[in-house]
Amino acid sequence: MRNTKLLAIITASAVALSSVGVAEAMSGKKKSPVPGKPGTATIVQTAVAVNKLTGEFDYLLAAATCDYFDGAVVNLLSGTDMYTLFAPTDAAFEALIPALISLGLLPPNTPVEPASLCKLDSGVLFNVLAYHVTDGRRFSNSVFNRNNVKMIEMLNGQYIVTNPNLTISDNFGQTVGVVPSLVNVNASNGVVHVIDKVLLP
């Protein structure tokens, strides 16, 4: 039951991006959201709006709704528990799929498309998703320290390291950047920072 709850938090939170923020990013404007009161829309409501507006996060939504996870996202993310999600873009997942094929985690010739993520072993995909969410509502000034590295525990029990130059180091040795115009995105039950790679535990 705990795994189902964590998955629901992770997957729906992953698309908790304000439609205004996404629209600004797509139009090239650099105005960045700032910390403040929680948004009025729940994570689920925001997710639906963003997907309709931009088509972004198709991969994340596909991962969230793989049959073997059996749903439960909407109800669990209508609550008041606060979480912070580091949400990879579609391009991040598109770059990941060939790597998963080369590692033998996906079959050869797997197409680069959202549905392909559901061909991953459920435990592998769950671990990756859980590595993108941490407890609490953490704005960028809490995620990053201007002078020192900082370790943040994620819901899978592993850590990411955040660096003063606003990058993240994961357990796979990657350096992951944030999308500057899409940090500190408010939902009513959390905050989202969009990232340019998929974090790997």
N, C-alpha and C. Protein backbone atom coordinates (compact mmCIF):
# COMPACT_ATOMS: atom_id res chain seq x y z
N MET A 1 0.83 -1.21 0.00
CA MET A 1 0.00 0.00 0.00
C MET A 1 0.86 1.26 0.00
N ARG A 2 1.97 1.22 0.75
CA ARG A 2 2.86 2.38 0.80
C ARG A 2 3.43 2.65 -0.58
N ASN A 3 3.84 1.60 -1.30
CA ASN A 3 4.39 1.77 -2.64
C ASN A 3 3.37 2.38 -3.59
N THR A 4 2.12 1.97 -3.48
CA THR A 4 1.08 2.53 -4.34
C THR A 4 0.90 4.02 -4.05
N LYS A 5 0.92 4.38 -2.78
CA LYS A 5 0.76 5.79 -2.41
C LYS A 5 1.94 6.62 -2.92
N LEU A 6 3.15 6.13 -2.74
CA LEU A 6 4.32 6.86 -3.21
C LEU A 6 4.28 7.05 -4.72
N LEU A 7 3.91 6.00 -5.43
CA LEU A 7 3.84 6.09 -6.88
C LEU A 7 2.84 7.15 -7.31
N ALA A 8 1.69 7.15 -6.64
CA ALA A 8 0.67 8.13 -6.99
C ALA A 8 1.18 9.54 -6.78
N ILE A 9 1.88 9.76 -5.68
CA ILE A 9 2.43 11.08 -5.40
C ILE A 9 3.42 11.47 -6.48
N ILE A 10 4.30 10.55 -6.80
CA ILE A 10 5.36 10.84 -7.76
C ILE A 10 4.80 11.16 -9.12
N THR A 11 3.96 10.28 -9.62
CA THR A 11 3.56 10.40 -11.02
C THR A 11 2.67 11.60 -11.26
N ALA A 12 1.73 11.84 -10.40
CA ALA A 12 0.87 13.00 -10.63
C ALA A 12 1.60 14.29 -10.32
N SER A 13 2.45 14.28 -9.31
CA SER A 13 3.22 15.48 -9.00
C SER A 13 4.12 15.87 -10.15
N ALA A 14 4.56 14.88 -10.89
CA ALA A 14 5.51 15.14 -11.94
C ALA A 14 5.01 16.08 -12.98
N VAL A 15 3.70 16.19 -13.14
CA VAL A 15 3.16 17.08 -14.14
C VAL A 15 2.50 18.29 -13.49
N ALA A 16 2.85 18.58 -12.25
CA ALA A 16 2.24 19.69 -11.53
C ALA A 16 2.91 21.00 -11.90
N LEU A 17 2.75 21.41 -13.14
CA LEU A 17 3.36 22.63 -13.63
C LEU A 17 2.29 23.61 -14.00
N SER A 18 2.48 24.86 -13.59
CA SER A 18 1.45 25.83 -13.90
C SER A 18 1.36 26.08 -15.39
N SER A 19 0.14 26.13 -15.91
CA SER A 19 -0.02 26.36 -17.35
C SER A 19 0.54 27.71 -17.74
N VAL A 20 0.49 28.67 -16.85
CA VAL A 20 1.06 29.98 -17.15
C VAL A 20 2.57 29.87 -17.29
N GLY A 21 3.21 29.16 -16.36
CA GLY A 21 4.65 29.01 -16.41
C GLY A 21 5.10 28.30 -17.66
N VAL A 22 4.40 27.25 -18.07
CA VAL A 22 4.77 26.53 -19.27
C VAL A 22 4.59 27.41 -20.49
N ALA A 23 3.49 28.14 -20.54
CA ALA A 23 3.25 29.01 -21.68
C ALA A 23 4.35 30.06 -21.80
N GLU A 24 4.79 30.62 -20.67
CA GLU A 24 5.86 31.61 -20.71
C GLU A 24 7.15 30.99 -21.21
N ALA A 25 7.45 29.77 -20.74
CA ALA A 25 8.67 29.11 -21.16
C ALA A 25 8.66 28.84 -22.66
N MET A 26 7.50 28.39 -23.17
CA MET A 26 7.40 28.07 -24.58
C MET A 26 7.52 29.33 -25.45
N SER A 27 7.08 30.47 -24.91
CA SER A 27 7.11 31.70 -25.70
C SER A 27 8.46 32.40 -25.59
N GLY A 28 9.37 31.84 -24.80
CA GLY A 28 10.71 32.41 -24.69
C GLY A 28 10.86 33.44 -23.59
N LYS A 29 9.80 33.74 -22.86
CA LYS A 29 9.91 34.69 -21.76
C LYS A 29 10.69 34.05 -20.63
N LYS A 30 11.43 34.86 -19.89
CA LYS A 30 12.31 34.34 -18.86
C LYS A 30 11.79 34.57 -17.44
N LYS A 31 10.59 35.09 -17.32
CA LYS A 31 10.05 35.32 -15.99
C LYS A 31 9.92 34.00 -15.25
N SER A 32 10.50 33.92 -14.07
CA SER A 32 10.51 32.68 -13.31
C SER A 32 9.55 32.78 -12.14
N PRO A 33 8.78 31.71 -11.88
CA PRO A 33 7.92 31.73 -10.72
C PRO A 33 8.74 31.91 -9.45
N VAL A 34 8.16 32.51 -8.45
CA VAL A 34 8.87 32.71 -7.19
C VAL A 34 8.10 32.05 -6.06
N PRO A 35 8.79 31.75 -4.95
CA PRO A 35 8.09 31.13 -3.82
C PRO A 35 6.93 32.00 -3.35
N GLY A 36 5.91 31.35 -2.88
CA GLY A 36 4.75 32.07 -2.38
C GLY A 36 3.71 31.11 -1.86
N LYS A 37 2.49 31.57 -1.81
CA LYS A 37 1.41 30.72 -1.33
C LYS A 37 1.16 29.58 -2.31
N PRO A 38 0.66 28.46 -1.80
CA PRO A 38 0.34 27.35 -2.72
C PRO A 38 -0.64 27.79 -3.80
N GLY A 39 -0.53 27.15 -4.95
CA GLY A 39 -1.45 27.45 -6.04
C GLY A 39 -2.87 27.03 -5.71
N THR A 40 -3.80 27.44 -6.53
CA THR A 40 -5.20 27.11 -6.29
C THR A 40 -5.58 25.76 -6.87
N ALA A 41 -4.85 25.30 -7.87
CA ALA A 41 -5.16 24.02 -8.52
C ALA A 41 -4.37 22.89 -7.89
N THR A 42 -5.01 21.76 -7.73
CA THR A 42 -4.29 20.59 -7.24
C THR A 42 -3.29 20.14 -8.28
N ILE A 43 -2.42 19.24 -7.88
CA ILE A 43 -1.43 18.69 -8.80
C ILE A 43 -2.13 18.04 -10.00
N VAL A 44 -3.19 17.29 -9.72
CA VAL A 44 -3.88 16.59 -10.80
C VAL A 44 -4.52 17.58 -11.77
N GLN A 45 -5.20 18.60 -11.25
CA GLN A 45 -5.83 19.60 -12.11
C GLN A 45 -4.80 20.33 -12.96
N THR A 46 -3.67 20.66 -12.36
CA THR A 46 -2.62 21.35 -13.08
C THR A 46 -2.03 20.46 -14.16
N ALA A 47 -1.85 19.19 -13.83
CA ALA A 47 -1.29 18.23 -14.80
C ALA A 47 -2.13 18.16 -16.06
N VAL A 48 -3.43 18.08 -15.89
CA VAL A 48 -4.33 17.99 -17.04
C VAL A 48 -4.24 19.26 -17.89
N ALA A 49 -4.19 20.42 -17.23
CA ALA A 49 -4.12 21.69 -17.96
C ALA A 49 -2.83 21.80 -18.76
N VAL A 50 -1.71 21.39 -18.16
CA VAL A 50 -0.42 21.49 -18.83
C VAL A 50 -0.37 20.58 -20.05
N ASN A 51 -0.85 19.37 -19.89
CA ASN A 51 -0.80 18.42 -21.00
C ASN A 51 -1.65 18.92 -22.18
N LYS A 52 -2.79 19.52 -21.89
CA LYS A 52 -3.64 20.06 -22.96
C LYS A 52 -2.99 21.26 -23.62
N LEU A 53 -2.30 22.05 -22.84
CA LEU A 53 -1.72 23.29 -23.35
C LEU A 53 -0.51 23.05 -24.23
N THR A 54 0.38 22.14 -23.81
CA THR A 54 1.69 22.04 -24.46
C THR A 54 2.02 20.67 -25.03
N GLY A 55 1.37 19.62 -24.55
CA GLY A 55 1.76 18.28 -24.94
C GLY A 55 3.02 17.82 -24.23
N GLU A 56 3.57 18.67 -23.37
CA GLU A 56 4.77 18.30 -22.62
C GLU A 56 4.39 17.31 -21.52
N PHE A 57 5.35 16.50 -21.11
CA PHE A 57 5.19 15.51 -20.04
C PHE A 57 4.33 14.31 -20.45
N ASP A 58 4.26 14.04 -21.76
CA ASP A 58 3.60 12.83 -22.22
C ASP A 58 4.28 11.58 -21.65
N TYR A 59 5.61 11.61 -21.60
CA TYR A 59 6.35 10.44 -21.10
C TYR A 59 6.09 10.23 -19.62
N LEU A 60 6.09 11.30 -18.86
CA LEU A 60 5.86 11.18 -17.43
C LEU A 60 4.46 10.68 -17.13
N LEU A 61 3.49 11.18 -17.89
CA LEU A 61 2.12 10.71 -17.72
C LEU A 61 1.99 9.24 -18.12
N ALA A 62 2.69 8.85 -19.17
CA ALA A 62 2.65 7.45 -19.59
C ALA A 62 3.22 6.55 -18.49
N ALA A 63 4.33 6.97 -17.91
CA ALA A 63 4.93 6.18 -16.83
C ALA A 63 3.98 6.09 -15.64
N ALA A 64 3.26 7.17 -15.38
CA ALA A 64 2.33 7.21 -14.26
C ALA A 64 1.18 6.24 -14.42
N THR A 65 0.81 5.98 -15.66
CA THR A 65 -0.41 5.21 -15.90
C THR A 65 -0.13 3.82 -16.46
N CYS A 66 1.10 3.33 -16.32
CA CYS A 66 1.36 1.94 -16.73
C CYS A 66 0.40 1.01 -16.01
N ASP A 67 -0.13 0.04 -16.72
CA ASP A 67 -1.15 -0.86 -16.17
C ASP A 67 -0.71 -1.51 -14.87
N TYR A 68 0.56 -1.89 -14.78
CA TYR A 68 0.99 -2.62 -13.59
C TYR A 68 1.01 -1.78 -12.33
N PHE A 69 0.88 -0.45 -12.44
CA PHE A 69 0.78 0.39 -11.25
C PHE A 69 -0.65 0.56 -10.75
N ASP A 70 -1.62 0.21 -11.57
CA ASP A 70 -3.01 0.13 -11.13
C ASP A 70 -3.59 1.45 -10.62
N GLY A 71 -3.15 2.57 -11.17
CA GLY A 71 -3.82 3.85 -10.91
C GLY A 71 -3.70 4.40 -9.51
N ALA A 72 -4.75 4.95 -8.99
CA ALA A 72 -4.87 5.55 -7.66
C ALA A 72 -4.22 6.92 -7.57
N VAL A 73 -3.89 7.54 -8.70
CA VAL A 73 -3.18 8.82 -8.69
C VAL A 73 -4.09 9.98 -8.29
N VAL A 74 -5.25 10.09 -8.91
CA VAL A 74 -6.10 11.27 -8.72
C VAL A 74 -6.53 11.44 -7.27
N ASN A 75 -7.04 10.37 -6.66
CA ASN A 75 -7.53 10.48 -5.29
C ASN A 75 -6.41 10.85 -4.31
N LEU A 76 -5.25 10.19 -4.47
CA LEU A 76 -4.16 10.43 -3.52
C LEU A 76 -3.58 11.83 -3.64
N LEU A 77 -3.61 12.42 -4.84
CA LEU A 77 -3.04 13.74 -5.00
C LEU A 77 -4.07 14.86 -4.91
N SER A 78 -5.21 14.54 -4.37
CA SER A 78 -6.18 15.57 -4.03
C SER A 78 -6.07 15.95 -2.56
N GLY A 79 -5.10 15.36 -1.87
CA GLY A 79 -4.94 15.60 -0.44
C GLY A 79 -4.12 16.83 -0.14
N THR A 80 -3.70 16.94 1.13
CA THR A 80 -2.98 18.13 1.58
C THR A 80 -1.51 17.87 1.90
N ASP A 81 -1.06 16.62 1.80
CA ASP A 81 0.36 16.34 2.02
C ASP A 81 1.19 17.06 0.98
N MET A 82 2.31 17.65 1.41
CA MET A 82 3.16 18.45 0.53
C MET A 82 4.37 17.65 0.05
N TYR A 83 4.67 17.78 -1.25
CA TYR A 83 5.82 17.11 -1.84
C TYR A 83 6.48 18.03 -2.85
N THR A 84 7.77 17.80 -3.07
CA THR A 84 8.51 18.51 -4.11
C THR A 84 8.93 17.50 -5.16
N LEU A 85 8.65 17.82 -6.40
CA LEU A 85 9.00 16.93 -7.50
C LEU A 85 9.97 17.59 -8.47
N PHE A 86 10.97 16.83 -8.88
CA PHE A 86 11.90 17.23 -9.94
C PHE A 86 11.40 16.53 -11.20
N ALA A 87 10.79 17.30 -12.10
CA ALA A 87 10.04 16.73 -13.22
C ALA A 87 10.82 16.79 -14.52
N PRO A 88 11.21 15.63 -15.08
CA PRO A 88 11.93 15.64 -16.35
C PRO A 88 11.02 15.99 -17.52
N THR A 89 11.59 16.65 -18.50
CA THR A 89 10.87 16.98 -19.73
C THR A 89 10.74 15.73 -20.61
N ASP A 90 9.91 15.84 -21.63
CA ASP A 90 9.80 14.76 -22.61
C ASP A 90 11.15 14.47 -23.26
N ALA A 91 11.89 15.53 -23.59
CA ALA A 91 13.19 15.35 -24.23
C ALA A 91 14.14 14.54 -23.34
N ALA A 92 14.01 14.71 -22.04
CA ALA A 92 14.85 13.94 -21.12
C ALA A 92 14.56 12.45 -21.22
N PHE A 93 13.28 12.11 -21.30
CA PHE A 93 12.91 10.70 -21.43
C PHE A 93 13.28 10.15 -22.81
N GLU A 94 13.14 10.98 -23.83
CA GLU A 94 13.51 10.54 -25.18
C GLU A 94 14.99 10.17 -25.25
N ALA A 95 15.83 10.93 -24.55
CA ALA A 95 17.26 10.64 -24.52
C ALA A 95 17.56 9.40 -23.68
N LEU A 96 16.70 9.10 -22.73
CA LEU A 96 16.94 7.97 -21.82
C LEU A 96 16.64 6.62 -22.48
N ILE A 97 15.63 6.55 -23.31
CA ILE A 97 15.20 5.24 -23.84
C ILE A 97 16.32 4.49 -24.57
N PRO A 98 17.10 5.11 -25.46
CA PRO A 98 18.21 4.37 -26.07
C PRO A 98 19.21 3.83 -25.04
N ALA A 99 19.44 4.60 -23.98
CA ALA A 99 20.36 4.14 -22.93
C ALA A 99 19.79 2.92 -22.21
N LEU A 100 18.49 2.91 -21.99
CA LEU A 100 17.86 1.75 -21.34
C LEU A 100 17.94 0.51 -22.23
N ILE A 101 17.85 0.72 -23.54
CA ILE A 101 18.00 -0.40 -24.48
C ILE A 101 19.43 -0.95 -24.40
N SER A 102 20.41 -0.05 -24.39
CA SER A 102 21.81 -0.50 -24.36
C SER A 102 22.15 -1.21 -23.06
N LEU A 103 21.46 -0.86 -21.99
CA LEU A 103 21.68 -1.52 -20.70
C LEU A 103 20.90 -2.83 -20.57
N GLY A 104 20.10 -3.16 -21.57
CA GLY A 104 19.31 -4.38 -21.53
C GLY A 104 18.05 -4.28 -20.69
N LEU A 105 17.68 -3.06 -20.33
CA LEU A 105 16.47 -2.87 -19.52
C LEU A 105 15.21 -2.74 -20.37
N LEU A 106 15.39 -2.47 -21.66
CA LEU A 106 14.29 -2.47 -22.62
C LEU A 106 14.70 -3.37 -23.79
N PRO A 107 13.72 -3.99 -24.45
CA PRO A 107 14.04 -4.87 -25.59
C PRO A 107 14.70 -4.09 -26.73
N PRO A 108 15.54 -4.77 -27.54
CA PRO A 108 16.12 -4.12 -28.71
C PRO A 108 15.01 -3.59 -29.63
N ASN A 109 15.32 -2.51 -30.30
CA ASN A 109 14.38 -1.88 -31.25
C ASN A 109 13.12 -1.33 -30.59
N THR A 110 13.16 -1.10 -29.28
CA THR A 110 12.03 -0.45 -28.62
C THR A 110 11.88 0.97 -29.18
N PRO A 111 10.68 1.33 -29.63
CA PRO A 111 10.51 2.69 -30.19
C PRO A 111 10.65 3.76 -29.11
N VAL A 112 11.11 4.92 -29.52
CA VAL A 112 11.21 6.05 -28.60
C VAL A 112 9.85 6.73 -28.56
N GLU A 113 9.02 6.27 -27.66
CA GLU A 113 7.68 6.80 -27.49
C GLU A 113 7.23 6.59 -26.05
N PRO A 114 6.27 7.38 -25.58
CA PRO A 114 5.88 7.30 -24.17
C PRO A 114 5.49 5.90 -23.70
N ALA A 115 4.76 5.15 -24.52
CA ALA A 115 4.28 3.83 -24.10
C ALA A 115 5.42 2.85 -23.84
N SER A 116 6.59 3.11 -24.39
CA SER A 116 7.72 2.20 -24.21
C SER A 116 8.18 2.12 -22.76
N LEU A 117 7.92 3.16 -21.98
CA LEU A 117 8.34 3.13 -20.58
C LEU A 117 7.65 2.01 -19.81
N CYS A 118 6.46 1.63 -20.24
CA CYS A 118 5.72 0.57 -19.55
C CYS A 118 6.27 -0.82 -19.86
N LYS A 119 7.26 -0.89 -20.74
CA LYS A 119 7.94 -2.17 -20.99
C LYS A 119 9.04 -2.42 -19.97
N LEU A 120 9.36 -1.39 -19.19
CA LEU A 120 10.33 -1.56 -18.11
C LEU A 120 9.74 -2.43 -17.01
N ASP A 121 10.61 -3.13 -16.29
CA ASP A 121 10.17 -3.85 -15.10
C ASP A 121 9.53 -2.85 -14.14
N SER A 122 8.43 -3.24 -13.51
CA SER A 122 7.69 -2.31 -12.64
C SER A 122 8.55 -1.79 -11.50
N GLY A 123 9.41 -2.67 -10.94
CA GLY A 123 10.27 -2.24 -9.84
C GLY A 123 11.29 -1.21 -10.27
N VAL A 124 11.83 -1.39 -11.48
CA VAL A 124 12.80 -0.44 -12.00
C VAL A 124 12.15 0.92 -12.22
N LEU A 125 11.00 0.92 -12.88
CA LEU A 125 10.33 2.18 -13.15
C LEU A 125 9.89 2.87 -11.87
N PHE A 126 9.38 2.09 -10.92
CA PHE A 126 8.96 2.69 -9.65
C PHE A 126 10.14 3.34 -8.94
N ASN A 127 11.28 2.67 -8.93
CA ASN A 127 12.47 3.22 -8.27
C ASN A 127 12.89 4.53 -8.91
N VAL A 128 12.84 4.60 -10.24
CA VAL A 128 13.20 5.83 -10.94
C VAL A 128 12.21 6.95 -10.59
N LEU A 129 10.93 6.64 -10.64
CA LEU A 129 9.93 7.67 -10.32
C LEU A 129 10.07 8.16 -8.88
N ALA A 130 10.30 7.24 -7.95
CA ALA A 130 10.42 7.61 -6.54
C ALA A 130 11.66 8.46 -6.29
N TYR A 131 12.64 8.36 -7.18
CA TYR A 131 13.88 9.13 -7.05
C TYR A 131 13.71 10.58 -7.50
N HIS A 132 12.51 10.94 -7.91
CA HIS A 132 12.24 12.31 -8.35
C HIS A 132 11.40 13.13 -7.37
N VAL A 133 11.05 12.55 -6.23
CA VAL A 133 10.17 13.23 -5.28
C VAL A 133 10.75 13.20 -3.89
N THR A 134 10.61 14.32 -3.19
CA THR A 134 11.02 14.39 -1.79
C THR A 134 9.89 15.00 -0.97
N ASP A 135 9.92 14.71 0.32
CA ASP A 135 8.89 15.24 1.22
C ASP A 135 8.99 16.75 1.35
N GLY A 136 7.85 17.39 1.53
CA GLY A 136 7.81 18.82 1.83
C GLY A 136 7.73 19.69 0.59
N ARG A 137 7.49 20.95 0.84
CA ARG A 137 7.34 21.95 -0.22
C ARG A 137 8.63 22.77 -0.25
N ARG A 138 9.57 22.34 -1.10
CA ARG A 138 10.92 22.92 -1.11
C ARG A 138 11.12 23.83 -2.32
N PHE A 139 11.22 25.11 -2.05
CA PHE A 139 11.53 26.04 -3.12
C PHE A 139 13.04 26.01 -3.39
N SER A 140 13.45 26.68 -4.46
CA SER A 140 14.84 26.58 -4.90
C SER A 140 15.84 27.02 -3.83
N ASN A 141 15.46 27.98 -2.99
CA ASN A 141 16.39 28.43 -1.96
C ASN A 141 16.56 27.39 -0.85
N SER A 142 15.66 26.40 -0.81
CA SER A 142 15.80 25.28 0.11
C SER A 142 16.51 24.10 -0.55
N VAL A 143 16.33 23.98 -1.86
CA VAL A 143 16.97 22.89 -2.61
C VAL A 143 18.46 23.15 -2.77
N PHE A 144 18.83 24.38 -3.11
CA PHE A 144 20.22 24.72 -3.42
C PHE A 144 20.80 25.64 -2.34
N ASN A 145 22.06 25.39 -1.98
CA ASN A 145 22.82 26.25 -1.08
C ASN A 145 23.86 26.99 -1.92
N ARG A 146 23.96 28.30 -1.76
CA ARG A 146 24.84 29.07 -2.64
C ARG A 146 26.32 28.81 -2.40
N ASN A 147 26.67 28.22 -1.25
CA ASN A 147 28.09 28.01 -0.93
C ASN A 147 28.53 26.56 -0.87
N ASN A 148 27.60 25.65 -0.63
CA ASN A 148 27.98 24.26 -0.40
C ASN A 148 27.03 23.30 -1.12
N VAL A 149 27.52 22.08 -1.33
CA VAL A 149 26.63 21.04 -1.83
C VAL A 149 25.65 20.66 -0.72
N LYS A 150 24.54 20.08 -1.13
CA LYS A 150 23.50 19.70 -0.18
C LYS A 150 22.92 18.35 -0.59
N MET A 151 22.72 17.47 0.37
CA MET A 151 22.13 16.16 0.09
C MET A 151 20.65 16.19 0.44
N ILE A 152 19.83 15.68 -0.47
CA ILE A 152 18.38 15.64 -0.26
C ILE A 152 17.90 14.20 -0.42
N GLU A 153 17.21 13.71 0.59
CA GLU A 153 16.69 12.34 0.52
C GLU A 153 15.41 12.31 -0.29
N MET A 154 15.35 11.35 -1.21
CA MET A 154 14.19 11.19 -2.07
C MET A 154 13.30 10.07 -1.54
N LEU A 155 12.12 9.90 -2.11
CA LEU A 155 11.16 8.94 -1.57
C LEU A 155 11.59 7.48 -1.72
N ASN A 156 12.57 7.21 -2.57
CA ASN A 156 13.05 5.83 -2.67
C ASN A 156 14.13 5.54 -1.64
N GLY A 157 14.44 6.50 -0.77
CA GLY A 157 15.44 6.31 0.27
C GLY A 157 16.85 6.68 -0.14
N GLN A 158 17.06 7.02 -1.42
CA GLN A 158 18.37 7.43 -1.89
C GLN A 158 18.45 8.96 -1.93
N TYR A 159 19.63 9.46 -2.23
CA TYR A 159 19.88 10.90 -2.17
C TYR A 159 20.27 11.46 -3.53
N ILE A 160 19.91 12.72 -3.74
CA ILE A 160 20.52 13.52 -4.79
C ILE A 160 21.42 14.53 -4.10
N VAL A 161 22.38 15.07 -4.86
CA VAL A 161 23.25 16.12 -4.34
C VAL A 161 22.99 17.37 -5.17
N THR A 162 22.65 18.46 -4.52
CA THR A 162 22.46 19.72 -5.23
C THR A 162 23.70 20.59 -5.04
N ASN A 163 24.05 21.29 -6.11
CA ASN A 163 25.31 22.03 -6.15
C ASN A 163 25.07 23.54 -6.21
N PRO A 164 26.04 24.34 -5.73
CA PRO A 164 25.87 25.80 -5.74
C PRO A 164 25.62 26.39 -7.12
N ASN A 165 26.07 25.70 -8.19
CA ASN A 165 25.84 26.21 -9.55
C ASN A 165 24.47 25.81 -10.11
N LEU A 166 23.56 25.39 -9.23
CA LEU A 166 22.18 25.05 -9.58
C LEU A 166 22.07 23.81 -10.47
N THR A 167 22.99 22.89 -10.28
CA THR A 167 22.88 21.59 -10.92
C THR A 167 22.67 20.53 -9.86
N ILE A 168 22.27 19.35 -10.31
CA ILE A 168 22.01 18.22 -9.42
C ILE A 168 22.88 17.05 -9.86
N SER A 169 23.46 16.37 -8.91
CA SER A 169 24.21 15.14 -9.19
C SER A 169 23.39 13.96 -8.69
N ASP A 170 23.22 12.96 -9.58
CA ASP A 170 22.46 11.78 -9.17
C ASP A 170 23.38 10.60 -8.90
N ASN A 171 22.81 9.47 -8.52
CA ASN A 171 23.62 8.30 -8.16
C ASN A 171 24.24 7.62 -9.37
N PHE A 172 23.83 8.00 -10.57
CA PHE A 172 24.37 7.41 -11.79
C PHE A 172 25.57 8.20 -12.30
N GLY A 173 25.88 9.32 -11.61
CA GLY A 173 27.01 10.16 -12.01
C GLY A 173 26.66 11.24 -13.00
N GLN A 174 25.39 11.46 -13.25
CA GLN A 174 24.97 12.50 -14.18
C GLN A 174 24.97 13.88 -13.51
N THR A 175 25.19 14.91 -14.32
CA THR A 175 24.95 16.29 -13.90
C THR A 175 23.66 16.74 -14.57
N VAL A 176 22.69 17.11 -13.76
CA VAL A 176 21.34 17.42 -14.24
C VAL A 176 21.07 18.90 -13.99
N GLY A 177 20.54 19.59 -14.99
CA GLY A 177 20.24 21.00 -14.84
C GLY A 177 18.75 21.25 -14.64
N VAL A 178 18.44 22.38 -14.03
CA VAL A 178 17.04 22.80 -13.92
C VAL A 178 16.71 23.68 -15.12
N VAL A 179 15.43 23.73 -15.47
CA VAL A 179 14.96 24.63 -16.52
C VAL A 179 14.64 25.96 -15.83
N PRO A 180 15.45 27.01 -16.05
CA PRO A 180 15.35 28.22 -15.22
C PRO A 180 13.97 28.84 -15.14
N SER A 181 13.22 28.82 -16.25
CA SER A 181 11.91 29.47 -16.22
C SER A 181 10.84 28.58 -15.60
N LEU A 182 11.20 27.35 -15.22
CA LEU A 182 10.21 26.43 -14.66
C LEU A 182 10.71 25.81 -13.36
N VAL A 183 11.07 26.69 -12.43
CA VAL A 183 11.36 26.27 -11.06
C VAL A 183 10.35 26.96 -10.15
N ASN A 184 10.21 26.42 -8.94
CA ASN A 184 9.30 27.02 -7.95
C ASN A 184 7.87 27.11 -8.48
N VAL A 185 7.43 26.07 -9.18
CA VAL A 185 6.08 26.07 -9.74
C VAL A 185 5.11 25.57 -8.66
N ASN A 186 4.16 26.39 -8.31
CA ASN A 186 3.25 26.09 -7.21
C ASN A 186 2.06 25.23 -7.64
N ALA A 187 1.75 24.25 -6.83
CA ALA A 187 0.45 23.58 -6.87
C ALA A 187 -0.13 23.72 -5.47
N SER A 188 -1.37 23.33 -5.29
CA SER A 188 -1.97 23.49 -3.97
C SER A 188 -1.36 22.52 -2.96
N ASN A 189 -0.75 21.45 -3.46
CA ASN A 189 -0.19 20.44 -2.54
C ASN A 189 1.27 20.14 -2.83
N GLY A 190 2.01 21.15 -3.31
CA GLY A 190 3.43 20.93 -3.52
C GLY A 190 4.07 21.95 -4.43
N VAL A 191 5.30 21.66 -4.81
CA VAL A 191 6.07 22.53 -5.70
C VAL A 191 6.86 21.65 -6.65
N VAL A 192 7.09 22.16 -7.86
CA VAL A 192 7.77 21.39 -8.90
C VAL A 192 8.94 22.19 -9.47
N HIS A 193 10.05 21.48 -9.71
CA HIS A 193 11.18 22.05 -10.43
C HIS A 193 11.40 21.17 -11.67
N VAL A 194 11.36 21.77 -12.84
CA VAL A 194 11.54 21.01 -14.08
C VAL A 194 13.03 20.84 -14.34
N ILE A 195 13.42 19.61 -14.74
CA ILE A 195 14.83 19.28 -14.97
C ILE A 195 15.03 18.74 -16.38
N ASP A 196 16.30 18.80 -16.83
CA ASP A 196 16.59 18.47 -18.23
C ASP A 196 17.09 17.04 -18.46
N LYS A 197 17.18 16.25 -17.41
CA LYS A 197 17.53 14.84 -17.53
C LYS A 197 16.69 14.03 -16.55
N VAL A 198 16.56 12.75 -16.80
CA VAL A 198 15.89 11.86 -15.85
C VAL A 198 16.90 11.46 -14.79
N LEU A 199 16.58 11.69 -13.52
CA LEU A 199 17.46 11.30 -12.42
C LEU A 199 17.50 9.78 -12.33
N LEU A 200 18.69 9.23 -12.18
CA LEU A 200 18.83 7.78 -12.12
C LEU A 200 19.42 7.34 -10.79
N PRO A 201 18.72 6.47 -10.07
CA PRO A 201 19.22 6.00 -8.77
C PRO A 201 20.36 4.99 -8.93
